[in-house]
Structures are given as C-alpha cells and as structure tokens.
Amino acid sequence: MVKAQLEKKKKREAEEADDYLKNVELGGRDFVIADIEKDKKKEKTAADKFLNDLQTKKLYRVTYRRKLADELREKVSAIDFPNGWQYDTLPTSDNRQITIYGQSFKTKQGIILVLKSPKGEVFIRAVRTCYKPEVDFKAMRILAVQAENTVDSDKGILLSDKKVKKTKSGIYLP
C-alpha cells in the first residue's frame, strides 16, 4: 500500500514538473516572473499568518516562546544534516537551571538551539525574546542560518572557513 502511494506521488510530481516546463516554454520569461511572484506571495502570507498567531500568543509568554521554538525546529529540520547529527530547540524561562549534555546553564526568557555533532561536539546558540513578533521571527531565521553554517563548516564547505584565493574575474579557488 505504501509503495503504491509513493509511486503515485512520484508520478504526480513528474506530471507537475512537465506541466511547469510546458508553461515555461509557452509563457517564457513572463510565466517565470509570475510564478516567482506567486511563490513570494505564498511565503509572505505564511509569514504574516505566523506573525499574527505570535501576536495573539504574546499575552501568554510561555506559549509565545514555545511557538517560536517550534518555528525554529521546523526551519532547522529543513537542513540537510549528515548522519549522526542531533538538534533540539527549547523555550526557556528566567532564572531556571537547565542541563544540556551534562553542562548546567542559568537561563533567561528566550529560545535555545542545541546541535550535537557525531564527534560529540555540542554547539549552543540562544536568543532572548523581546516579544516583538517581527524581531523574534527574524531571530529564528538567523538561528537556523547559523545552524546550517555550523553543519556546512563541519562538512568543510563553508567558504569563510577556508583560505581561498579570488581570481581577477571574481571566482574563488581553494
């Protein structure tokens, strides 16, 4: 049953990709621009919905931080982690003691992102929430980018970690 559903899903995705390519051939540049605008509008609508939801949860600070932690977890789950990496996000409260992999920390009201590499290295980043949904939402995006940079650095593919040479034409060489 599951295999049949998977094949059906792949067939549907292939048909959608074919339809998209046909539309690109017919509509050309105008179709691509319209499609990009449609995607941007969807993303903005989703972000606006999330920010409105945060605005209502702001009255209840614990649920506000929990919602932010869930949003961060969703963004971090989209990262292509190599095998063995672990991650978690936690909402925190003022003057509480938490223990992360044997290390104890005193916390403030905010969100913590914890990454653990297969080598046992633990990376912790945290932000203190300010209860301004736009600012806190952007902070979650930044934490997700920092998590991705950490993983890329471990893989050895982060440009800023390497001594690279830049050619006259602007190409970076290892």
C-alpha atoms as a PDB file:
ATOM      1  CA  MET A   1       0.000   0.000   0.000  1.00  0.00           C
ATOM      2  CA  VAL A   2       2.738   2.460   0.952  1.00  0.00           C
ATOM      3  CA  LYS A   3       4.775   1.634  -2.158  1.00  0.00           C
ATOM      4  CA  ALA A   4       1.767   2.269  -4.382  1.00  0.00           C
ATOM      5  CA  GLN A   5       1.150   5.640  -2.717  1.00  0.00           C
ATOM      6  CA  LEU A   6       4.797   6.579  -3.156  1.00  0.00           C
ATOM      7  CA  GLU A   7       4.723   5.683  -6.851  1.00  0.00           C
ATOM      8  CA  LYS A   8       1.514   7.667  -7.306  1.00  0.00           C
ATOM      9  CA  LYS A   9       3.083  10.673  -5.578  1.00  0.00           C
ATOM     10  CA  LYS A  10       6.215  10.470  -7.764  1.00  0.00           C
ATOM     11  CA  LYS A  11       4.068  10.217 -10.899  1.00  0.00           C
ATOM     12  CA  ARG A  12       2.054  13.287  -9.837  1.00  0.00           C
ATOM     13  CA  GLU A  13       5.257  15.242  -9.139  1.00  0.00           C
ATOM     14  CA  ALA A  14       6.656  14.281 -12.546  1.00  0.00           C
ATOM     15  CA  GLU A  15       3.430  15.434 -14.226  1.00  0.00           C
ATOM     16  CA  GLU A  16       3.583  18.751 -12.339  1.00  0.00           C
ATOM     17  CA  ALA A  17       7.200  19.235 -13.430  1.00  0.00           C
ATOM     18  CA  ASP A  18       6.251  18.508 -17.068  1.00  0.00           C
ATOM     19  CA  ASP A  19       3.354  20.977 -16.880  1.00  0.00           C
ATOM     20  CA  TYR A  20       5.664  23.616 -15.442  1.00  0.00           C
ATOM     21  CA  LEU A  21       8.205  23.119 -18.237  1.00  0.00           C
ATOM     22  CA  LYS A  22       5.454  23.345 -20.881  1.00  0.00           C
ATOM     23  CA  ASN A  23       4.212  26.584 -19.318  1.00  0.00           C
ATOM     24  CA  VAL A  24       7.760  27.957 -19.303  1.00  0.00           C
ATOM     25  CA  GLU A  25       8.095  27.143 -22.996  1.00  0.00           C
ATOM     26  CA  LEU A  26       4.760  28.794 -23.787  1.00  0.00           C
ATOM     27  CA  GLY A  27       4.915  31.784 -21.449  1.00  0.00           C
ATOM     28  CA  GLY A  28       8.666  32.250 -21.254  1.00  0.00           C
ATOM     29  CA  ARG A  29      10.023  34.957 -19.020  1.00  0.00           C
ATOM     30  CA  ASP A  30       6.597  36.354 -18.093  1.00  0.00           C
ATOM     31  CA  PHE A  31       5.441  32.973 -16.781  1.00  0.00           C
ATOM     32  CA  VAL A  32       8.581  32.516 -14.669  1.00  0.00           C
ATOM     33  CA  ILE A  33       8.264  36.030 -13.198  1.00  0.00           C
ATOM     34  CA  ALA A  34       4.578  35.463 -12.414  1.00  0.00           C
ATOM     35  CA  ASP A  35       5.395  32.107 -10.794  1.00  0.00           C
ATOM     36  CA  ILE A  36       8.125  33.663  -8.638  1.00  0.00           C
ATOM     37  CA  GLU A  37       5.744  36.431  -7.562  1.00  0.00           C
ATOM     38  CA  LYS A  38       3.117  33.819  -6.675  1.00  0.00           C
ATOM     39  CA  ASP A  39       5.665  31.925  -4.544  1.00  0.00           C
ATOM     40  CA  LYS A  40       6.745  35.140  -2.800  1.00  0.00           C
ATOM     41  CA  LYS A  41       3.104  35.960  -2.076  1.00  0.00           C
ATOM     42  CA  LYS A  42       2.533  32.482  -0.576  1.00  0.00           C
ATOM     43  CA  GLU A  43       5.640  32.838   1.598  1.00  0.00           C
ATOM     44  CA  LYS A  44       4.593  36.296   2.757  1.00  0.00           C
ATOM     45  CA  THR A  45       1.084  35.046   3.542  1.00  0.00           C
ATOM     46  CA  ALA A  46       2.518  32.183   5.619  1.00  0.00           C
ATOM     47  CA  ALA A  47       4.863  34.572   7.451  1.00  0.00           C
ATOM     48  CA  ASP A  48       2.010  37.029   8.096  1.00  0.00           C
ATOM     49  CA  LYS A  49      -0.173  34.233   9.464  1.00  0.00           C
ATOM     50  CA  PHE A  50       2.629  33.124  11.765  1.00  0.00           C
ATOM     51  CA  LEU A  51       3.257  36.702  12.958  1.00  0.00           C
ATOM     52  CA  ASN A  52      -0.468  37.197  13.666  1.00  0.00           C
ATOM     53  CA  ASP A  53      -0.500  33.959  15.625  1.00  0.00           C
ATOM     54  CA  LEU A  54       2.538  35.142  17.587  1.00  0.00           C
ATOM     55  CA  GLN A  55       0.843  38.462  18.292  1.00  0.00           C
ATOM     56  CA  THR A  56      -2.068  36.662  19.971  1.00  0.00           C
ATOM     57  CA  LYS A  57       0.248  34.334  21.908  1.00  0.00           C
ATOM     58  CA  LYS A  58       2.319  37.287  23.139  1.00  0.00           C
ATOM     59  CA  LEU A  59      -0.115  37.689  26.022  1.00  0.00           C
ATOM     60  CA  TYR A  60       0.861  34.213  27.221  1.00  0.00           C
ATOM     61  CA  ARG A  61       4.633  34.344  27.230  1.00  0.00           C
ATOM     62  CA  VAL A  62       5.197  30.604  27.650  1.00  0.00           C
ATOM     63  CA  THR A  63       3.120  29.690  24.594  1.00  0.00           C
ATOM     64  CA  TYR A  64       4.768  32.552  22.665  1.00  0.00           C
ATOM     65  CA  ARG A  65       8.234  31.128  23.297  1.00  0.00           C
ATOM     66  CA  ARG A  66       7.031  27.592  22.622  1.00  0.00           C
ATOM     67  CA  LYS A  67       5.611  28.717  19.264  1.00  0.00           C
ATOM     68  CA  LEU A  68       8.934  30.365  18.382  1.00  0.00           C
ATOM     69  CA  ALA A  69      10.856  27.233  19.379  1.00  0.00           C
ATOM     70  CA  ASP A  70       8.553  25.128  17.192  1.00  0.00           C
ATOM     71  CA  GLU A  71       9.108  27.509  14.266  1.00  0.00           C
ATOM     72  CA  LEU A  72      12.869  27.266  14.734  1.00  0.00           C
ATOM     73  CA  ARG A  73      12.660  23.468  14.944  1.00  0.00           C
ATOM     74  CA  GLU A  74      10.736  23.435  11.654  1.00  0.00           C
ATOM     75  CA  LYS A  75      13.356  25.635   9.946  1.00  0.00           C
ATOM     76  CA  VAL A  76      16.266  23.590  11.312  1.00  0.00           C
ATOM     77  CA  SER A  77      14.617  20.315  10.257  1.00  0.00           C
ATOM     78  CA  ALA A  78      14.859  21.519   6.638  1.00  0.00           C
ATOM     79  CA  ILE A  79      18.692  21.477   6.893  1.00  0.00           C
ATOM     80  CA  ASP A  80      20.436  18.572   5.201  1.00  0.00           C
ATOM     81  CA  PHE A  81      22.127  17.052   8.258  1.00  0.00           C
ATOM     82  CA  PRO A  82      24.753  14.348   7.726  1.00  0.00           C
ATOM     83  CA  ASN A  83      24.194  11.114   9.633  1.00  0.00           C
ATOM     84  CA  GLY A  84      24.762  11.329  13.352  1.00  0.00           C
ATOM     85  CA  TRP A  85      23.843  14.988  13.908  1.00  0.00           C
ATOM     86  CA  GLN A  86      21.238  15.774  16.564  1.00  0.00           C
ATOM     87  CA  TYR A  87      19.390  19.013  17.233  1.00  0.00           C
ATOM     88  CA  ASP A  88      16.767  20.426  19.542  1.00  0.00           C
ATOM     89  CA  THR A  89      15.134  23.749  20.331  1.00  0.00           C
ATOM     90  CA  LEU A  90      13.935  24.758  23.767  1.00  0.00           C
ATOM     91  CA  PRO A  91      11.912  27.668  25.119  1.00  0.00           C
ATOM     92  CA  THR A  92      13.444  28.927  28.367  1.00  0.00           C
ATOM     93  CA  SER A  93      12.293  30.944  31.383  1.00  0.00           C
ATOM     94  CA  ASP A  94      14.009  33.418  33.701  1.00  0.00           C
ATOM     95  CA  ASN A  95      16.362  32.123  36.390  1.00  0.00           C
ATOM     96  CA  ARG A  96      15.873  28.446  35.631  1.00  0.00           C
ATOM     97  CA  GLN A  97      18.668  25.904  35.632  1.00  0.00           C
ATOM     98  CA  ILE A  98      18.780  23.589  32.645  1.00  0.00           C
ATOM     99  CA  THR A  99      21.280  20.862  31.854  1.00  0.00           C
ATOM    100  CA  ILE A 100      22.377  20.233  28.279  1.00  0.00           C
ATOM    101  CA  TYR A 101      24.605  17.194  27.762  1.00  0.00           C
ATOM    102  CA  GLY A 102      25.921  17.422  31.319  1.00  0.00           C
ATOM    103  CA  GLN A 103      26.553  21.182  31.301  1.00  0.00           C
ATOM    104  CA  SER A 104      24.336  23.320  33.545  1.00  0.00           C
ATOM    105  CA  PHE A 105      23.112  26.771  32.482  1.00  0.00           C
ATOM    106  CA  LYS A 106      21.095  29.540  34.102  1.00  0.00           C
ATOM    107  CA  THR A 107      18.566  30.848  31.573  1.00  0.00           C
ATOM    108  CA  LYS A 108      16.647  33.962  30.625  1.00  0.00           C
ATOM    109  CA  GLN A 109      13.337  34.123  28.741  1.00  0.00           C
ATOM    110  CA  GLY A 110      14.194  33.017  25.226  1.00  0.00           C
ATOM    111  CA  ILE A 111      14.943  30.195  22.839  1.00  0.00           C
ATOM    112  CA  ILE A 112      17.919  27.829  22.803  1.00  0.00           C
ATOM    113  CA  LEU A 113      19.163  25.883  19.783  1.00  0.00           C
ATOM    114  CA  VAL A 114      21.353  22.869  20.538  1.00  0.00           C
ATOM    115  CA  LEU A 115      23.339  20.974  17.897  1.00  0.00           C
ATOM    116  CA  LYS A 116      25.400  17.863  18.587  1.00  0.00           C
ATOM    117  CA  SER A 117      27.835  16.538  16.011  1.00  0.00           C
ATOM    118  CA  PRO A 118      28.657  12.859  15.513  1.00  0.00           C
ATOM    119  CA  LYS A 119      32.065  13.617  17.105  1.00  0.00           C
ATOM    120  CA  GLY A 120      30.293  14.627  20.324  1.00  0.00           C
ATOM    121  CA  GLU A 121      30.838  18.380  19.901  1.00  0.00           C
ATOM    122  CA  VAL A 122      27.945  20.422  21.294  1.00  0.00           C
ATOM    123  CA  PHE A 123      27.024  23.785  19.777  1.00  0.00           C
ATOM    124  CA  ILE A 124      24.584  26.019  21.628  1.00  0.00           C
ATOM    125  CA  ARG A 125      23.086  29.302  20.438  1.00  0.00           C
ATOM    126  CA  ALA A 126      20.380  31.232  22.220  1.00  0.00           C
ATOM    127  CA  VAL A 127      18.354  34.393  21.850  1.00  0.00           C
ATOM    128  CA  ARG A 128      16.416  36.340  24.401  1.00  0.00           C
ATOM    129  CA  THR A 129      12.894  37.064  23.231  1.00  0.00           C
ATOM    130  CA  CYS A 130      11.780  40.691  23.112  1.00  0.00           C
ATOM    131  CA  TYR A 131       8.084  39.912  22.468  1.00  0.00           C
ATOM    132  CA  LYS A 132       8.035  41.844  19.211  1.00  0.00           C
ATOM    133  CA  PRO A 133       6.901  39.163  16.737  1.00  0.00           C
ATOM    134  CA  GLU A 134       8.746  40.574  13.700  1.00  0.00           C
ATOM    135  CA  VAL A 135      12.056  40.789  15.571  1.00  0.00           C
ATOM    136  CA  ASP A 136      11.731  37.383  17.234  1.00  0.00           C
ATOM    137  CA  PHE A 137      10.667  35.747  13.952  1.00  0.00           C
ATOM    138  CA  LYS A 138      13.745  37.169  12.221  1.00  0.00           C
ATOM    139  CA  ALA A 139      15.915  35.927  15.107  1.00  0.00           C
ATOM    140  CA  MET A 140      14.613  32.380  14.499  1.00  0.00           C
ATOM    141  CA  ARG A 141      15.608  32.658  10.825  1.00  0.00           C
ATOM    142  CA  ILE A 142      19.082  33.840  11.830  1.00  0.00           C
ATOM    143  CA  LEU A 143      19.498  30.945  14.287  1.00  0.00           C
ATOM    144  CA  ALA A 144      18.505  28.499  11.530  1.00  0.00           C
ATOM    145  CA  VAL A 145      21.112  30.010   9.185  1.00  0.00           C
ATOM    146  CA  GLN A 146      23.726  29.778  11.942  1.00  0.00           C
ATOM    147  CA  ALA A 147      22.842  26.106  12.443  1.00  0.00           C
ATOM    148  CA  GLU A 148      23.235  25.464   8.716  1.00  0.00           C
ATOM    149  CA  ASN A 149      26.577  27.296   8.717  1.00  0.00           C
ATOM    150  CA  THR A 150      27.755  25.136  11.616  1.00  0.00           C
ATOM    151  CA  VAL A 151      26.900  21.953   9.715  1.00  0.00           C
ATOM    152  CA  ASP A 152      28.469  23.292   6.500  1.00  0.00           C
ATOM    153  CA  SER A 153      31.613  24.230   8.409  1.00  0.00           C
ATOM    154  CA  ASP A 154      31.842  20.696   9.775  1.00  0.00           C
ATOM    155  CA  LYS A 155      31.423  19.328   6.241  1.00  0.00           C
ATOM    156  CA  GLY A 156      34.202  21.663   5.094  1.00  0.00           C
ATOM    157  CA  ILE A 157      32.075  23.505   2.535  1.00  0.00           C
ATOM    158  CA  LEU A 158      31.717  26.882   4.244  1.00  0.00           C
ATOM    159  CA  LEU A 159      33.697  29.429   2.224  1.00  0.00           C
ATOM    160  CA  SER A 160      34.536  31.631   5.198  1.00  0.00           C
ATOM    161  CA  ASP A 161      36.360  28.725   6.889  1.00  0.00           C
ATOM    162  CA  LYS A 162      38.859  28.254   4.085  1.00  0.00           C
ATOM    163  CA  LYS A 163      41.803  30.237   2.911  1.00  0.00           C
ATOM    164  CA  VAL A 164      40.526  30.858  -0.589  1.00  0.00           C
ATOM    165  CA  LYS A 165      42.013  32.828  -3.420  1.00  0.00           C
ATOM    166  CA  LYS A 166      39.958  35.161  -5.522  1.00  0.00           C
ATOM    167  CA  THR A 167      40.826  35.414  -9.193  1.00  0.00           C
ATOM    168  CA  LYS A 168      40.640  38.657 -11.147  1.00  0.00           C
ATOM    169  CA  SER A 169      37.317  37.564 -12.571  1.00  0.00           C
ATOM    170  CA  GLY A 170      35.860  37.092  -9.086  1.00  0.00           C
ATOM    171  CA  ILE A 171      35.975  33.291  -8.854  1.00  0.00           C
ATOM    172  CA  TYR A 172      37.012  31.765  -5.538  1.00  0.00           C
ATOM    173  CA  LEU A 173      39.561  28.948  -5.690  1.00  0.00           C
ATOM    174  CA  PRO A 174      40.666  26.687  -2.820  1.00  0.00           C
END
